[in-house]
Every structure is written in structure tokens, then in C-alpha cells.
């Protein structure tokens, strides 16, 4: 009784909602915040 999903349900902010804070330094916002904190990982 729920809407079924297929592999095309991958659209950010429509099908896939945020996971709180991101810890990946590959993410530009995390990298910038980490650099501003003198190398201390800063999730965004």
C-alpha cells in the first residue's frame, strides 16, 4: 500500500533527501569549512 520505487528514483532533494551533515572533504563546502578551521574536519 505504498508507492513502489525503481532505479530512476535518484533525484536529489526530490527522491533522495539530505543525510544531516556531510563529512566528505570532496564536498566543496566541507573542504572550505575544514580549511577555515585549519584542517580540522568540519561537517557541513
ModelCIF file with pLDDT and N, C-alpha, C, O atoms, coordinates in Angstrom:
data_MODEL
#
_entry.id   MODEL 
#
_entity.id                         1 
_entity.type                       polymer 
_entity.pdbx_number_of_molecules   1 
#
_entity_poly.entity_id                      1 
_entity_poly.type                           'polypeptide(L)' 
_entity_poly.nstd_linkage                   no 
_entity_poly.nstd_monomer                   no 
_entity_poly.pdbx_seq_one_letter_code       
;(UNK)(UNK)(UNK)(UNK)(UNK)(UNK)(UNK)(UNK)(UNK)(UNK)(UNK)(UNK)(UNK)(UNK)(UNK)(UNK)
(UNK)(UNK)(UNK)(UNK)(UNK)(UNK)(UNK)(UNK)(UNK)(UNK)(UNK)(UNK)(UNK)(UNK)(UNK)(UNK)
(UNK)(UNK)(UNK)(UNK)(UNK)(UNK)(UNK)(UNK)(UNK)(UNK)(UNK)(UNK)
;
_entity_poly.pdbx_seq_one_letter_code_can   XXXXXXXXXXXXXXXXXXXXXXXXXXXXXXXXXXXXXXXXXXXX 
_entity_poly.pdbx_strand_id                 A 
#
loop_
_entity_poly_seq.entity_id 
_entity_poly_seq.num 
_entity_poly_seq.mon_id 
_entity_poly_seq.hetero 
1 1  UNK n 
1 2  UNK n 
1 3  UNK n 
1 4  UNK n 
1 5  UNK n 
1 6  UNK n 
1 7  UNK n 
1 8  UNK n 
1 9  UNK n 
1 10 UNK n 
1 11 UNK n 
1 12 UNK n 
1 13 UNK n 
1 14 UNK n 
1 15 UNK n 
1 16 UNK n 
1 17 UNK n 
1 18 UNK n 
1 19 UNK n 
1 20 UNK n 
1 21 UNK n 
1 22 UNK n 
1 23 UNK n 
1 24 UNK n 
1 25 UNK n 
1 26 UNK n 
1 27 UNK n 
1 28 UNK n 
1 29 UNK n 
1 30 UNK n 
1 31 UNK n 
1 32 UNK n 
1 33 UNK n 
1 34 UNK n 
1 35 UNK n 
1 36 UNK n 
1 37 UNK n 
1 38 UNK n 
1 39 UNK n 
1 40 UNK n 
1 41 UNK n 
1 42 UNK n 
1 43 UNK n 
1 44 UNK n 
#
_struct_asym.id          A 
_struct_asym.entity_id   1 
#
loop_
_ma_qa_metric.id 
_ma_qa_metric.mode 
_ma_qa_metric.name 
_ma_qa_metric.software_group_id 
_ma_qa_metric.type 
1 global pLDDT . pLDDT 
2 local  pLDDT . pLDDT 
#
_ma_qa_metric_global.metric_id      1 
_ma_qa_metric_global.metric_value   96.89 
_ma_qa_metric_global.model_id       1 
_ma_qa_metric_global.ordinal_id     1 
#
loop_
_ma_qa_metric_local.label_asym_id 
_ma_qa_metric_local.label_comp_id 
_ma_qa_metric_local.label_seq_id 
_ma_qa_metric_local.metric_id 
_ma_qa_metric_local.metric_value 
_ma_qa_metric_local.model_id 
_ma_qa_metric_local.ordinal_id 
A UNK 1  2 86.00 1 1  
A UNK 2  2 90.00 1 2  
A UNK 3  2 94.00 1 3  
A UNK 4  2 94.00 1 4  
A UNK 5  2 96.00 1 5  
A UNK 6  2 96.00 1 6  
A UNK 7  2 97.00 1 7  
A UNK 8  2 97.00 1 8  
A UNK 9  2 97.00 1 9  
A UNK 10 2 98.00 1 10 
A UNK 11 2 98.00 1 11 
A UNK 12 2 97.00 1 12 
A UNK 13 2 97.00 1 13 
A UNK 14 2 97.00 1 14 
A UNK 15 2 97.00 1 15 
A UNK 16 2 97.00 1 16 
A UNK 17 2 97.00 1 17 
A UNK 18 2 98.00 1 18 
A UNK 19 2 98.00 1 19 
A UNK 20 2 98.00 1 20 
A UNK 21 2 98.00 1 21 
A UNK 22 2 98.00 1 22 
A UNK 23 2 98.00 1 23 
A UNK 24 2 98.00 1 24 
A UNK 25 2 97.00 1 25 
A UNK 26 2 97.00 1 26 
A UNK 27 2 97.00 1 27 
A UNK 28 2 97.00 1 28 
A UNK 29 2 98.00 1 29 
A UNK 30 2 98.00 1 30 
A UNK 31 2 98.00 1 31 
A UNK 32 2 98.00 1 32 
A UNK 33 2 98.00 1 33 
A UNK 34 2 98.00 1 34 
A UNK 35 2 98.00 1 35 
A UNK 36 2 98.00 1 36 
A UNK 37 2 97.00 1 37 
A UNK 38 2 97.00 1 38 
A UNK 39 2 96.00 1 39 
A UNK 40 2 98.00 1 40 
A UNK 41 2 98.00 1 41 
A UNK 42 2 98.00 1 42 
A UNK 43 2 98.00 1 43 
A UNK 44 2 98.00 1 44 
#
loop_
_atom_site.group_PDB 
_atom_site.id 
_atom_site.type_symbol 
_atom_site.label_atom_id 
_atom_site.label_alt_id 
_atom_site.label_comp_id 
_atom_site.label_asym_id 
_atom_site.label_entity_id 
_atom_site.label_seq_id 
_atom_site.pdbx_PDB_ins_code 
_atom_site.Cartn_x 
_atom_site.Cartn_y 
_atom_site.Cartn_z 
_atom_site.occupancy 
_atom_site.B_iso_or_equiv 
_atom_site.pdbx_formal_charge 
_atom_site.auth_seq_id 
_atom_site.auth_comp_id 
_atom_site.auth_asym_id 
_atom_site.auth_atom_id 
_atom_site.pdbx_PDB_model_num 
ATOM 1   N N  . UNK A 1 1  ? 0.803  -1.230 0.000   1.00 86.00 ? 1  UNK A N  1 
ATOM 2   C CA . UNK A 1 1  ? 0.000  0.000  0.000   1.00 86.00 ? 1  UNK A CA 1 
ATOM 3   C C  . UNK A 1 1  ? 0.837  1.282  0.000   1.00 86.00 ? 1  UNK A C  1 
ATOM 4   O O  . UNK A 1 1  ? 0.347  2.345  0.381   1.00 86.00 ? 1  UNK A O  1 
ATOM 5   N N  . UNK A 1 2  ? 2.089  1.181  -0.424  1.00 90.00 ? 2  UNK A N  1 
ATOM 6   C CA . UNK A 1 2  ? 2.978  2.340  -0.525  1.00 90.00 ? 2  UNK A CA 1 
ATOM 7   C C  . UNK A 1 2  ? 3.481  2.428  -1.960  1.00 90.00 ? 2  UNK A C  1 
ATOM 8   O O  . UNK A 1 2  ? 3.542  1.417  -2.661  1.00 90.00 ? 2  UNK A O  1 
ATOM 9   N N  . UNK A 1 3  ? 3.846  3.650  -2.408  1.00 94.00 ? 3  UNK A N  1 
ATOM 10  C CA . UNK A 1 3  ? 4.375  3.835  -3.757  1.00 94.00 ? 3  UNK A CA 1 
ATOM 11  C C  . UNK A 1 3  ? 5.676  3.060  -3.892  1.00 94.00 ? 3  UNK A C  1 
ATOM 12  O O  . UNK A 1 3  ? 6.596  3.230  -3.093  1.00 94.00 ? 3  UNK A O  1 
ATOM 13  N N  . UNK A 1 4  ? 5.748  2.205  -4.910  1.00 94.00 ? 4  UNK A N  1 
ATOM 14  C CA . UNK A 1 4  ? 6.950  1.404  -5.158  1.00 94.00 ? 4  UNK A CA 1 
ATOM 15  C C  . UNK A 1 4  ? 8.022  2.268  -5.834  1.00 94.00 ? 4  UNK A C  1 
ATOM 16  O O  . UNK A 1 4  ? 7.708  3.267  -6.481  1.00 94.00 ? 4  UNK A O  1 
ATOM 17  N N  . UNK A 1 5  ? 9.284  1.871  -5.677  1.00 96.00 ? 5  UNK A N  1 
ATOM 18  C CA . UNK A 1 5  ? 10.409 2.629  -6.240  1.00 96.00 ? 5  UNK A CA 1 
ATOM 19  C C  . UNK A 1 5  ? 11.111 1.839  -7.334  1.00 96.00 ? 5  UNK A C  1 
ATOM 20  O O  . UNK A 1 5  ? 11.133 0.608  -7.311  1.00 96.00 ? 5  UNK A O  1 
ATOM 21  N N  . UNK A 1 6  ? 11.692 2.569  -8.302  1.00 96.00 ? 6  UNK A N  1 
ATOM 22  C CA . UNK A 1 6  ? 12.554 1.935  -9.294  1.00 96.00 ? 6  UNK A CA 1 
ATOM 23  C C  . UNK A 1 6  ? 13.900 2.658  -9.295  1.00 96.00 ? 6  UNK A C  1 
ATOM 24  O O  . UNK A 1 6  ? 14.086 3.631  -8.564  1.00 96.00 ? 6  UNK A O  1 
ATOM 25  N N  . UNK A 1 7  ? 14.844 2.179  -10.123 1.00 97.00 ? 7  UNK A N  1 
ATOM 26  C CA . UNK A 1 7  ? 16.212 2.713  -10.073 1.00 97.00 ? 7  UNK A CA 1 
ATOM 27  C C  . UNK A 1 7  ? 16.307 4.173  -10.507 1.00 97.00 ? 7  UNK A C  1 
ATOM 28  O O  . UNK A 1 7  ? 17.328 4.818  -10.271 1.00 97.00 ? 7  UNK A O  1 
ATOM 29  N N  . UNK A 1 8  ? 15.264 4.700  -11.134 1.00 97.00 ? 8  UNK A N  1 
ATOM 30  C CA . UNK A 1 8  ? 15.293 6.093  -11.573 1.00 97.00 ? 8  UNK A CA 1 
ATOM 31  C C  . UNK A 1 8  ? 14.892 7.071  -10.469 1.00 97.00 ? 8  UNK A C  1 
ATOM 32  O O  . UNK A 1 8  ? 14.896 8.283  -10.683 1.00 97.00 ? 8  UNK A O  1 
ATOM 33  N N  . UNK A 1 9  ? 14.550 6.557  -9.306  1.00 97.00 ? 9  UNK A N  1 
ATOM 34  C CA . UNK A 1 9  ? 14.210 7.404  -8.160  1.00 97.00 ? 9  UNK A CA 1 
ATOM 35  C C  . UNK A 1 9  ? 15.491 7.810  -7.418  1.00 97.00 ? 9  UNK A C  1 
ATOM 36  O O  . UNK A 1 9  ? 15.724 7.402  -6.281  1.00 97.00 ? 9  UNK A O  1 
ATOM 37  N N  . UNK A 1 10 ? 16.313 8.626  -8.094  1.00 98.00 ? 10 UNK A N  1 
ATOM 38  C CA . UNK A 1 10 ? 17.613 9.027  -7.533  1.00 98.00 ? 10 UNK A CA 1 
ATOM 39  C C  . UNK A 1 10 ? 17.809 10.537 -7.518  1.00 98.00 ? 10 UNK A C  1 
ATOM 40  O O  . UNK A 1 10 ? 18.912 11.001 -7.229  1.00 98.00 ? 10 UNK A O  1 
ATOM 41  N N  . UNK A 1 11 ? 16.789 11.309 -7.817  1.00 98.00 ? 11 UNK A N  1 
ATOM 42  C CA . UNK A 1 11 ? 16.924 12.753 -7.947  1.00 98.00 ? 11 UNK A CA 1 
ATOM 43  C C  . UNK A 1 11 ? 17.119 13.415 -6.571  1.00 98.00 ? 11 UNK A C  1 
ATOM 44  O O  . UNK A 1 11 ? 16.292 13.248 -5.675  1.00 98.00 ? 11 UNK A O  1 
ATOM 45  N N  . UNK A 1 12 ? 18.221 14.166 -6.416  1.00 97.00 ? 12 UNK A N  1 
ATOM 46  C CA . UNK A 1 12 ? 18.471 14.829 -5.136  1.00 97.00 ? 12 UNK A CA 1 
ATOM 47  C C  . UNK A 1 12 ? 17.363 15.817 -4.774  1.00 97.00 ? 12 UNK A C  1 
ATOM 48  O O  . UNK A 1 12 ? 16.838 16.517 -5.640  1.00 97.00 ? 12 UNK A O  1 
ATOM 49  N N  . UNK A 1 13 ? 17.018 15.866 -3.506  1.00 97.00 ? 13 UNK A N  1 
ATOM 50  C CA . UNK A 1 13 ? 16.034 16.770 -2.944  1.00 97.00 ? 13 UNK A CA 1 
ATOM 51  C C  . UNK A 1 13 ? 14.610 16.507 -3.447  1.00 97.00 ? 13 UNK A C  1 
ATOM 52  O O  . UNK A 1 13 ? 13.682 17.228 -3.079  1.00 97.00 ? 13 UNK A O  1 
ATOM 53  N N  . UNK A 1 14 ? 14.435 15.490 -4.275  1.00 97.00 ? 14 UNK A N  1 
ATOM 54  C CA . UNK A 1 14 ? 13.103 15.068 -4.695  1.00 97.00 ? 14 UNK A CA 1 
ATOM 55  C C  . UNK A 1 14 ? 12.870 13.633 -4.221  1.00 97.00 ? 14 UNK A C  1 
ATOM 56  O O  . UNK A 1 14 ? 11.879 13.351 -3.547  1.00 97.00 ? 14 UNK A O  1 
ATOM 57  N N  . UNK A 1 15 ? 13.788 12.725 -4.576  1.00 97.00 ? 15 UNK A N  1 
ATOM 58  C CA . UNK A 1 15 ? 13.707 11.327 -4.148  1.00 97.00 ? 15 UNK A CA 1 
ATOM 59  C C  . UNK A 1 15 ? 14.657 11.051 -2.985  1.00 97.00 ? 15 UNK A C  1 
ATOM 60  O O  . UNK A 1 15 ? 14.332 10.287 -2.076  1.00 97.00 ? 15 UNK A O  1 
ATOM 61  N N  . UNK A 1 16 ? 15.821 11.675 -3.021  1.00 97.00 ? 16 UNK A N  1 
ATOM 62  C CA . UNK A 1 16 ? 16.861 11.450 -2.012  1.00 97.00 ? 16 UNK A CA 1 
ATOM 63  C C  . UNK A 1 16 ? 17.032 12.734 -1.207  1.00 97.00 ? 16 UNK A C  1 
ATOM 64  O O  . UNK A 1 16 ? 17.527 13.743 -1.710  1.00 97.00 ? 16 UNK A O  1 
ATOM 65  N N  . UNK A 1 17 ? 16.615 12.672 0.041   1.00 97.00 ? 17 UNK A N  1 
ATOM 66  C CA . UNK A 1 17 ? 16.691 13.831 0.933   1.00 97.00 ? 17 UNK A CA 1 
ATOM 67  C C  . UNK A 1 17 ? 18.051 13.865 1.645   1.00 97.00 ? 17 UNK A C  1 
ATOM 68  O O  . UNK A 1 17 ? 18.756 12.856 1.649   1.00 97.00 ? 17 UNK A O  1 
ATOM 69  N N  . UNK A 1 18 ? 18.433 14.992 2.242   1.00 98.00 ? 18 UNK A N  1 
ATOM 70  C CA . UNK A 1 18 ? 19.739 15.119 2.908   1.00 98.00 ? 18 UNK A CA 1 
ATOM 71  C C  . UNK A 1 18 ? 19.937 14.145 4.067   1.00 98.00 ? 18 UNK A C  1 
ATOM 72  O O  . UNK A 1 18 ? 18.981 13.679 4.687   1.00 98.00 ? 18 UNK A O  1 
ATOM 73  N N  . UNK A 1 19 ? 21.203 13.855 4.335   1.00 98.00 ? 19 UNK A N  1 
ATOM 74  C CA . UNK A 1 19 ? 21.612 12.948 5.416   1.00 98.00 ? 19 UNK A CA 1 
ATOM 75  C C  . UNK A 1 19 ? 22.242 13.742 6.559   1.00 98.00 ? 19 UNK A C  1 
ATOM 76  O O  . UNK A 1 19 ? 23.319 13.398 7.045   1.00 98.00 ? 19 UNK A O  1 
ATOM 77  N N  . UNK A 1 20 ? 21.574 14.783 6.973   1.00 98.00 ? 20 UNK A N  1 
ATOM 78  C CA . UNK A 1 20 ? 22.096 15.608 8.072   1.00 98.00 ? 20 UNK A CA 1 
ATOM 79  C C  . UNK A 1 20 ? 23.300 16.403 7.618   1.00 98.00 ? 20 UNK A C  1 
ATOM 80  O O  . UNK A 1 20 ? 23.189 17.279 6.761   1.00 98.00 ? 20 UNK A O  1 
ATOM 81  N N  . UNK A 1 21 ? 24.447 16.098 8.191   1.00 98.00 ? 21 UNK A N  1 
ATOM 82  C CA . UNK A 1 21 ? 25.684 16.789 7.857   1.00 98.00 ? 21 UNK A CA 1 
ATOM 83  C C  . UNK A 1 21 ? 26.577 15.870 7.028   1.00 98.00 ? 21 UNK A C  1 
ATOM 84  O O  . UNK A 1 21 ? 26.579 14.654 7.219   1.00 98.00 ? 21 UNK A O  1 
ATOM 85  N N  . UNK A 1 22 ? 27.336 16.461 6.106   1.00 98.00 ? 22 UNK A N  1 
ATOM 86  C CA . UNK A 1 22 ? 28.256 15.715 5.242   1.00 98.00 ? 22 UNK A CA 1 
ATOM 87  C C  . UNK A 1 22 ? 29.670 15.826 5.807   1.00 98.00 ? 22 UNK A C  1 
ATOM 88  O O  . UNK A 1 22 ? 30.089 16.891 6.262   1.00 98.00 ? 22 UNK A O  1 
ATOM 89  N N  . UNK A 1 23 ? 30.401 14.704 5.771   1.00 98.00 ? 23 UNK A N  1 
ATOM 90  C CA . UNK A 1 23 ? 31.779 14.689 6.285   1.00 98.00 ? 23 UNK A CA 1 
ATOM 91  C C  . UNK A 1 23 ? 32.825 14.475 5.193   1.00 98.00 ? 23 UNK A C  1 
ATOM 92  O O  . UNK A 1 23 ? 34.002 14.277 5.497   1.00 98.00 ? 23 UNK A O  1 
ATOM 93  N N  . UNK A 1 24 ? 32.412 14.513 3.929   1.00 98.00 ? 24 UNK A N  1 
ATOM 94  C CA . UNK A 1 24 ? 33.341 14.258 2.829   1.00 98.00 ? 24 UNK A CA 1 
ATOM 95  C C  . UNK A 1 24 ? 34.107 15.518 2.450   1.00 98.00 ? 24 UNK A C  1 
ATOM 96  O O  . UNK A 1 24 ? 33.504 16.539 2.117   1.00 98.00 ? 24 UNK A O  1 
ATOM 97  N N  . UNK A 1 25 ? 35.433 15.448 2.500   1.00 97.00 ? 25 UNK A N  1 
ATOM 98  C CA . UNK A 1 25 ? 36.235 16.602 2.086   1.00 97.00 ? 25 UNK A CA 1 
ATOM 99  C C  . UNK A 1 25 ? 36.210 16.797 0.569   1.00 97.00 ? 25 UNK A C  1 
ATOM 100 O O  . UNK A 1 25 ? 36.722 17.799 0.071   1.00 97.00 ? 25 UNK A O  1 
ATOM 101 N N  . UNK A 1 26 ? 35.628 15.863 -0.166  1.00 97.00 ? 26 UNK A N  1 
ATOM 102 C CA . UNK A 1 26 ? 35.423 16.053 -1.600  1.00 97.00 ? 26 UNK A CA 1 
ATOM 103 C C  . UNK A 1 26 ? 34.281 17.037 -1.851  1.00 97.00 ? 26 UNK A C  1 
ATOM 104 O O  . UNK A 1 26 ? 34.175 17.599 -2.941  1.00 97.00 ? 26 UNK A O  1 
ATOM 105 N N  . UNK A 1 27 ? 33.434 17.244 -0.857  1.00 97.00 ? 27 UNK A N  1 
ATOM 106 C CA . UNK A 1 27 ? 32.346 18.215 -0.937  1.00 97.00 ? 27 UNK A CA 1 
ATOM 107 C C  . UNK A 1 27 ? 32.966 19.600 -0.753  1.00 97.00 ? 27 UNK A C  1 
ATOM 108 O O  . UNK A 1 27 ? 33.605 19.843 0.271   1.00 97.00 ? 27 UNK A O  1 
ATOM 109 N N  . UNK A 1 28 ? 32.799 20.516 -1.711  1.00 97.00 ? 28 UNK A N  1 
ATOM 110 C CA . UNK A 1 28 ? 33.440 21.832 -1.619  1.00 97.00 ? 28 UNK A CA 1 
ATOM 111 C C  . UNK A 1 28 ? 33.097 22.614 -0.349  1.00 97.00 ? 28 UNK A C  1 
ATOM 112 O O  . UNK A 1 28 ? 33.950 23.330 0.174   1.00 97.00 ? 28 UNK A O  1 
ATOM 113 N N  . UNK A 1 29 ? 31.879 22.494 0.152   1.00 98.00 ? 29 UNK A N  1 
ATOM 114 C CA . UNK A 1 29 ? 31.530 23.236 1.367   1.00 98.00 ? 29 UNK A CA 1 
ATOM 115 C C  . UNK A 1 29 ? 32.252 22.668 2.585   1.00 98.00 ? 29 UNK A C  1 
ATOM 116 O O  . UNK A 1 29 ? 32.673 23.419 3.465   1.00 98.00 ? 29 UNK A O  1 
ATOM 117 N N  . UNK A 1 30 ? 32.396 21.347 2.639   1.00 98.00 ? 30 UNK A N  1 
ATOM 118 C CA . UNK A 1 30 ? 33.130 20.709 3.741   1.00 98.00 ? 30 UNK A CA 1 
ATOM 119 C C  . UNK A 1 30 ? 34.611 21.068 3.638   1.00 98.00 ? 30 UNK A C  1 
ATOM 120 O O  . UNK A 1 30 ? 35.254 21.371 4.643   1.00 98.00 ? 30 UNK A O  1 
ATOM 121 N N  . UNK A 1 31 ? 35.148 21.034 2.419   1.00 98.00 ? 31 UNK A N  1 
ATOM 122 C CA . UNK A 1 31 ? 36.570 21.372 2.219   1.00 98.00 ? 31 UNK A CA 1 
ATOM 123 C C  . UNK A 1 31 ? 36.850 22.805 2.645   1.00 98.00 ? 31 UNK A C  1 
ATOM 124 O O  . UNK A 1 31 ? 37.860 23.071 3.296   1.00 98.00 ? 31 UNK A O  1 
ATOM 125 N N  . UNK A 1 32 ? 35.968 23.731 2.284   1.00 98.00 ? 32 UNK A N  1 
ATOM 126 C CA . UNK A 1 32 ? 36.169 25.137 2.643   1.00 98.00 ? 32 UNK A CA 1 
ATOM 127 C C  . UNK A 1 32 ? 36.084 25.344 4.157   1.00 98.00 ? 32 UNK A C  1 
ATOM 128 O O  . UNK A 1 32 ? 36.898 26.061 4.739   1.00 98.00 ? 32 UNK A O  1 
ATOM 129 N N  . UNK A 1 33 ? 35.093 24.712 4.787   1.00 98.00 ? 33 UNK A N  1 
ATOM 130 C CA . UNK A 1 33 ? 34.937 24.848 6.241   1.00 98.00 ? 33 UNK A CA 1 
ATOM 131 C C  . UNK A 1 33 ? 36.116 24.211 6.970   1.00 98.00 ? 33 UNK A C  1 
ATOM 132 O O  . UNK A 1 33 ? 36.573 24.730 7.988   1.00 98.00 ? 33 UNK A O  1 
ATOM 133 N N  . UNK A 1 34 ? 36.609 23.082 6.448   1.00 98.00 ? 34 UNK A N  1 
ATOM 134 C CA . UNK A 1 34 ? 37.756 22.398 7.058   1.00 98.00 ? 34 UNK A CA 1 
ATOM 135 C C  . UNK A 1 34 ? 39.018 23.252 6.915   1.00 98.00 ? 34 UNK A C  1 
ATOM 136 O O  . UNK A 1 34 ? 39.811 23.348 7.851   1.00 98.00 ? 34 UNK A O  1 
ATOM 137 N N  . UNK A 1 35 ? 39.203 23.865 5.758   1.00 98.00 ? 35 UNK A N  1 
ATOM 138 C CA . UNK A 1 35 ? 40.355 24.746 5.554   1.00 98.00 ? 35 UNK A CA 1 
ATOM 139 C C  . UNK A 1 35 ? 40.285 25.959 6.485   1.00 98.00 ? 35 UNK A C  1 
ATOM 140 O O  . UNK A 1 35 ? 41.297 26.392 7.035   1.00 98.00 ? 35 UNK A O  1 
ATOM 141 N N  . UNK A 1 36 ? 39.080 26.496 6.652   1.00 98.00 ? 36 UNK A N  1 
ATOM 142 C CA . UNK A 1 36 ? 38.903 27.654 7.539   1.00 98.00 ? 36 UNK A CA 1 
ATOM 143 C C  . UNK A 1 36 ? 39.157 27.292 9.001   1.00 98.00 ? 36 UNK A C  1 
ATOM 144 O O  . UNK A 1 36 ? 39.489 28.151 9.819   1.00 98.00 ? 36 UNK A O  1 
ATOM 145 N N  . UNK A 1 37 ? 38.996 25.998 9.317   1.00 97.00 ? 37 UNK A N  1 
ATOM 146 C CA . UNK A 1 37 ? 39.238 25.526 10.695  1.00 97.00 ? 37 UNK A CA 1 
ATOM 147 C C  . UNK A 1 37 ? 40.653 24.959 10.832  1.00 97.00 ? 37 UNK A C  1 
ATOM 148 O O  . UNK A 1 37 ? 40.918 24.147 11.718  1.00 97.00 ? 37 UNK A O  1 
ATOM 149 N N  . UNK A 1 38 ? 41.561 25.392 9.951   1.00 97.00 ? 38 UNK A N  1 
ATOM 150 C CA . UNK A 1 38 ? 42.968 24.973 9.981   1.00 97.00 ? 38 UNK A CA 1 
ATOM 151 C C  . UNK A 1 38 ? 43.145 23.462 9.911   1.00 97.00 ? 38 UNK A C  1 
ATOM 152 O O  . UNK A 1 38 ? 43.982 22.893 10.613  1.00 97.00 ? 38 UNK A O  1 
ATOM 153 N N  . UNK A 1 39 ? 42.353 22.815 9.059   1.00 96.00 ? 39 UNK A N  1 
ATOM 154 C CA . UNK A 1 39 ? 42.492 21.386 8.814   1.00 96.00 ? 39 UNK A CA 1 
ATOM 155 C C  . UNK A 1 39 ? 41.663 20.478 9.699   1.00 96.00 ? 39 UNK A C  1 
ATOM 156 O O  . UNK A 1 39 ? 41.709 19.259 9.529   1.00 96.00 ? 39 UNK A O  1 
ATOM 157 N N  . UNK A 1 40 ? 40.919 21.019 10.622  1.00 98.00 ? 40 UNK A N  1 
ATOM 158 C CA . UNK A 1 40 ? 40.056 20.193 11.474  1.00 98.00 ? 40 UNK A CA 1 
ATOM 159 C C  . UNK A 1 40 ? 38.769 19.911 10.698  1.00 98.00 ? 40 UNK A C  1 
ATOM 160 O O  . UNK A 1 40 ? 38.065 20.843 10.309  1.00 98.00 ? 40 UNK A O  1 
ATOM 161 N N  . UNK A 1 41 ? 38.455 18.619 10.469  1.00 98.00 ? 41 UNK A N  1 
ATOM 162 C CA . UNK A 1 41 ? 37.263 18.251 9.702   1.00 98.00 ? 41 UNK A CA 1 
ATOM 163 C C  . UNK A 1 41 ? 36.036 18.951 10.278  1.00 98.00 ? 41 UNK A C  1 
ATOM 164 O O  . UNK A 1 41 ? 35.717 18.819 11.460  1.00 98.00 ? 41 UNK A O  1 
ATOM 165 N N  . UNK A 1 42 ? 35.361 19.696 9.409   1.00 98.00 ? 42 UNK A N  1 
ATOM 166 C CA . UNK A 1 42 ? 34.186 20.460 9.815   1.00 98.00 ? 42 UNK A CA 1 
ATOM 167 C C  . UNK A 1 42 ? 33.016 20.065 8.926   1.00 98.00 ? 42 UNK A C  1 
ATOM 168 O O  . UNK A 1 42 ? 32.910 20.553 7.801   1.00 98.00 ? 42 UNK A O  1 
ATOM 169 N N  . UNK A 1 43 ? 32.121 19.178 9.413   1.00 98.00 ? 43 UNK A N  1 
ATOM 170 C CA . UNK A 1 43 ? 30.968 18.769 8.613   1.00 98.00 ? 43 UNK A CA 1 
ATOM 171 C C  . UNK A 1 43 ? 30.085 19.967 8.259   1.00 98.00 ? 43 UNK A C  1 
ATOM 172 O O  . UNK A 1 43 ? 29.971 20.924 9.024   1.00 98.00 ? 43 UNK A O  1 
ATOM 173 N N  . UNK A 1 44 ? 29.475 19.890 7.096   1.00 98.00 ? 44 UNK A N  1 
ATOM 174 C CA . UNK A 1 44 ? 28.558 20.931 6.620   1.00 98.00 ? 44 UNK A CA 1 
ATOM 175 C C  . UNK A 1 44 ? 27.246 20.263 6.187   1.00 98.00 ? 44 UNK A C  1 
ATOM 176 O O  . UNK A 1 44 ? 26.321 20.946 5.749   1.00 98.00 ? 44 UNK A O  1 
#
